[in-house]
Protein backbone atom coordinates (compact mmCIF):
# COMPACT_ATOMS: atom_id res chain seq x y z
CA UNK A 1 -11.27 -9.95 -21.45
CA UNK A 2 -9.65 -12.99 -20.56
CA UNK A 3 -7.45 -13.70 -17.55
CA UNK A 4 -4.75 -15.50 -20.04
CA UNK A 5 -4.62 -12.14 -22.33
CA UNK A 6 -2.62 -10.41 -19.77
CA UNK A 7 1.45 -10.73 -20.11
CA UNK A 8 2.75 -11.96 -17.67
CA UNK A 9 5.87 -9.13 -15.55
CA UNK A 10 9.27 -10.33 -17.20
CA UNK A 11 10.77 -13.05 -15.42
CA UNK A 12 14.22 -11.58 -15.71
CA UNK A 13 15.04 -8.02 -16.83
CA UNK A 14 16.02 -7.74 -20.65
CA UNK A 15 13.98 -10.48 -21.91
CA UNK A 16 12.54 -7.68 -24.80
CA UNK A 17 9.67 -10.09 -25.53
CA UNK A 18 8.18 -9.96 -22.38
CA UNK A 19 8.65 -6.34 -22.57
CA UNK A 20 6.91 -6.03 -25.95
CA UNK A 21 3.96 -7.77 -24.33
CA UNK A 22 3.68 -5.72 -21.10
CA UNK A 23 4.55 -2.20 -23.48
CA UNK A 24 1.60 -3.31 -25.36
CA UNK A 25 -0.86 -3.75 -23.24
CA UNK A 26 0.05 -0.11 -21.42
CA UNK A 27 -0.62 1.80 -25.10
CA UNK A 28 -3.68 -1.38 -26.20
CA UNK A 29 -5.38 -1.88 -23.27
CA UNK A 30 -4.38 0.19 -20.46
CA UNK A 31 -4.10 -2.59 -18.38
CA UNK A 32 -2.22 -6.12 -16.89
CA UNK A 33 -1.49 -8.68 -14.44
CA UNK A 34 1.62 -9.41 -13.42
CA UNK A 35 2.75 -12.85 -12.49
CA UNK A 36 5.89 -13.75 -11.61
CA UNK A 37 7.22 -10.64 -10.23
CA UNK A 38 9.14 -13.01 -6.86
CA UNK A 39 6.58 -11.32 -3.81
CA UNK A 40 4.32 -14.63 -3.03
CA UNK A 41 5.22 -14.60 0.57
CA UNK A 42 4.76 -10.85 0.81
CA UNK A 43 1.31 -11.01 -0.22
CA UNK A 44 0.19 -13.85 1.88
CA UNK A 45 1.37 -11.92 4.29
CA UNK A 46 -0.53 -8.81 3.40
CA UNK A 47 -3.66 -11.04 3.17
CA UNK A 48 -2.99 -12.31 6.41
CA UNK A 49 -2.83 -8.94 7.30
CA UNK A 50 -6.45 -8.40 5.77
CA UNK A 51 -7.88 -11.18 7.47
CA UNK A 52 -6.73 -10.00 10.62
CA UNK A 53 -7.93 -6.81 10.13
CA UNK A 54 -11.97 -7.65 9.11
CA UNK A 55 -11.92 -9.89 11.75
CA UNK A 56 -12.06 -6.80 14.10
CA UNK A 57 -15.10 -5.50 15.37
CA UNK A 58 -17.07 -3.22 12.97
CA UNK A 59 -16.52 -0.10 15.52
CA UNK A 60 -12.64 -0.97 16.50
CA UNK A 61 -12.39 -0.76 12.51
CA UNK A 62 -14.40 2.55 12.39
CA UNK A 63 -12.29 4.71 14.37
CA UNK A 64 -9.58 3.97 11.48
CA UNK A 65 -12.59 5.29 8.92
CA UNK A 66 -10.95 7.02 5.84
CA UNK A 67 -13.26 9.93 6.66
CA UNK A 68 -15.11 12.39 3.79
CA UNK A 69 -12.18 14.81 3.07
CA UNK A 70 -11.02 12.69 0.68
CA UNK A 71 -8.52 10.86 2.39
CA UNK A 72 -8.22 6.98 0.56
CA UNK A 73 -5.59 5.95 3.27
CA UNK A 74 -7.42 4.04 6.79
CA UNK A 75 -10.92 1.62 6.44
CA UNK A 76 -13.80 1.96 4.09
CA UNK A 77 -16.84 -0.06 5.61
CA UNK A 78 -19.09 -1.56 2.64
CA UNK A 79 -21.75 0.75 1.22
CA UNK A 80 -20.21 3.79 2.33
CA UNK A 81 -20.35 4.35 -1.45
CA UNK A 82 -22.95 4.51 -4.20
CA UNK A 83 -22.28 2.55 -7.69
CA UNK A 84 -24.75 4.19 -9.78
CA UNK A 85 -26.61 7.68 -10.43
CA UNK A 86 -29.24 6.85 -8.59
CA UNK A 87 -27.27 6.62 -5.23
CA UNK A 88 -29.36 3.71 -4.20
CA UNK A 89 -27.51 0.90 -5.32
CA UNK A 90 -24.23 1.03 -2.45
CA UNK A 91 -20.93 -1.27 -3.15
CA UNK A 92 -20.16 -4.22 -1.25
CA UNK A 93 -16.26 -3.84 -0.41
CA UNK A 94 -14.49 -3.34 2.95
CA UNK A 95 -10.77 -2.26 2.41
CA UNK A 96 -8.04 -1.42 4.65
CA UNK A 97 -5.79 1.04 2.68
CA UNK A 98 -1.77 1.64 3.98
CA UNK A 99 -0.45 4.54 3.33
CA UNK A 100 3.33 3.63 1.26
CA UNK A 101 4.69 6.53 3.36
CA UNK A 102 3.28 5.64 6.62
CA UNK A 103 4.67 1.74 6.44
CA UNK A 104 8.45 2.82 5.11
CA UNK A 105 8.36 5.91 7.74
CA UNK A 106 6.33 3.26 11.00
CA UNK A 107 6.30 4.12 14.18
CA UNK A 108 6.33 7.39 13.06
CA UNK A 109 3.11 8.32 11.77
CA UNK A 110 3.13 10.70 8.56
CA UNK A 111 -0.84 10.43 7.18
CA UNK A 112 -3.15 8.40 9.73
CA UNK A 113 -2.56 5.54 12.70
CA UNK A 114 -4.31 2.49 11.85
CA UNK A 115 -6.31 -0.73 14.17
CA UNK A 116 -3.78 -2.67 15.70
CA UNK A 117 -3.73 -5.68 13.31
CA UNK A 118 -2.03 -3.18 10.79
CA UNK A 119 0.46 -1.87 13.11
CA UNK A 120 1.65 -5.41 14.34
CA UNK A 121 2.14 -6.10 10.75
CA UNK A 122 4.33 -2.64 9.61
CA UNK A 123 7.23 -4.03 9.97
CA UNK A 124 7.56 -7.95 9.15
CA UNK A 125 4.35 -7.60 6.63
CA UNK A 126 3.37 -4.31 4.94
CA UNK A 127 6.60 -2.64 4.78
CA UNK A 128 8.71 -5.49 2.93
CA UNK A 129 5.30 -5.38 0.70
CA UNK A 130 5.82 -2.62 -0.01
CA UNK A 131 9.58 -2.82 -1.14
CA UNK A 132 8.86 -5.53 -3.52
CA UNK A 133 5.90 -3.36 -4.92
CA UNK A 134 8.32 -0.73 -5.66
CA UNK A 135 10.98 -3.02 -6.94
CA UNK A 136 8.78 -4.51 -9.39
CA UNK A 137 7.06 -0.86 -10.21
CA UNK A 138 10.53 0.84 -10.55
CA UNK A 139 11.39 -1.86 -13.31
CA UNK A 140 8.23 -0.82 -15.37
CA UNK A 141 9.06 2.56 -15.11
CA UNK A 142 12.15 1.58 -17.01
CA UNK A 143 10.70 -0.57 -19.22
CA UNK A 144 8.34 2.25 -20.31
CA UNK A 145 10.86 5.13 -20.01
CA UNK A 146 12.99 2.68 -22.51
CA UNK A 147 9.80 2.67 -24.59
CA UNK A 148 8.93 6.60 -24.52
CA UNK A 149 13.05 7.02 -26.01
CA UNK A 150 13.18 9.68 -22.71
CA UNK A 151 16.32 10.06 -20.81
CA UNK A 152 17.44 7.55 -18.39
CA UNK A 153 15.60 7.73 -15.28
CA UNK A 154 13.05 10.28 -16.18
CA UNK A 155 10.14 8.20 -15.00
CA UNK A 156 11.91 6.75 -11.91
CA UNK A 157 12.61 10.46 -10.89
CA UNK A 158 8.84 11.66 -10.89
CA UNK A 159 8.80 8.73 -8.24
CA UNK A 160 11.00 9.58 -5.84
CA UNK A 161 10.57 7.10 -2.48
CA UNK A 162 11.39 9.75 -0.34
CA UNK A 163 8.92 12.55 -1.29
CA UNK A 164 4.93 11.86 0.21
CA UNK A 165 2.22 10.46 -2.17
CA UNK A 166 -0.71 8.74 -2.60
CA UNK A 167 0.41 5.95 -3.15
CA UNK A 168 -0.74 2.52 -1.08
CA UNK A 169 -1.00 -0.80 -0.26
CA UNK A 170 -4.54 -2.32 -0.20
CA UNK A 171 -6.46 -5.34 0.89
CA UNK A 172 -9.67 -5.93 -0.18
CA UNK A 173 -12.78 -7.86 1.00
CA UNK A 174 -15.75 -8.78 -0.83
């Protein structure tokens, strides 16, 4: 599917045509890219944090491995997962996932600890990125809430900021 068929994020709240395009993508495609969300600096800073983290020696990154208990927060090395039923073909992606809860509670640890490169940027890079992502998500939830005809705030109440969740910020290198 070509990239330009996905609707951009509504430039301003109340743009009914853009909201309709987002709704149509959600209900017919199930996927969309958000553009014009005002997070360019936060995204750039996250890419820098990701590059700094991936530049650490593998031995150091592995101290923060996700592990085998189903936890998604932490580091995942390339080749850690099979990509087909044979188990012979391994993935090529390495990533660092930072919990929303850890980012917003820092320096308190909610789920786990992270490499020094992550901790050094937790307050000035990751937390602002998470806040911006949540701001965008709440706009999308409000649009969906209206389109579904739900009482105001219904979907947002299912995503309470203070409740622990599986939400995460992710940097990938392939």
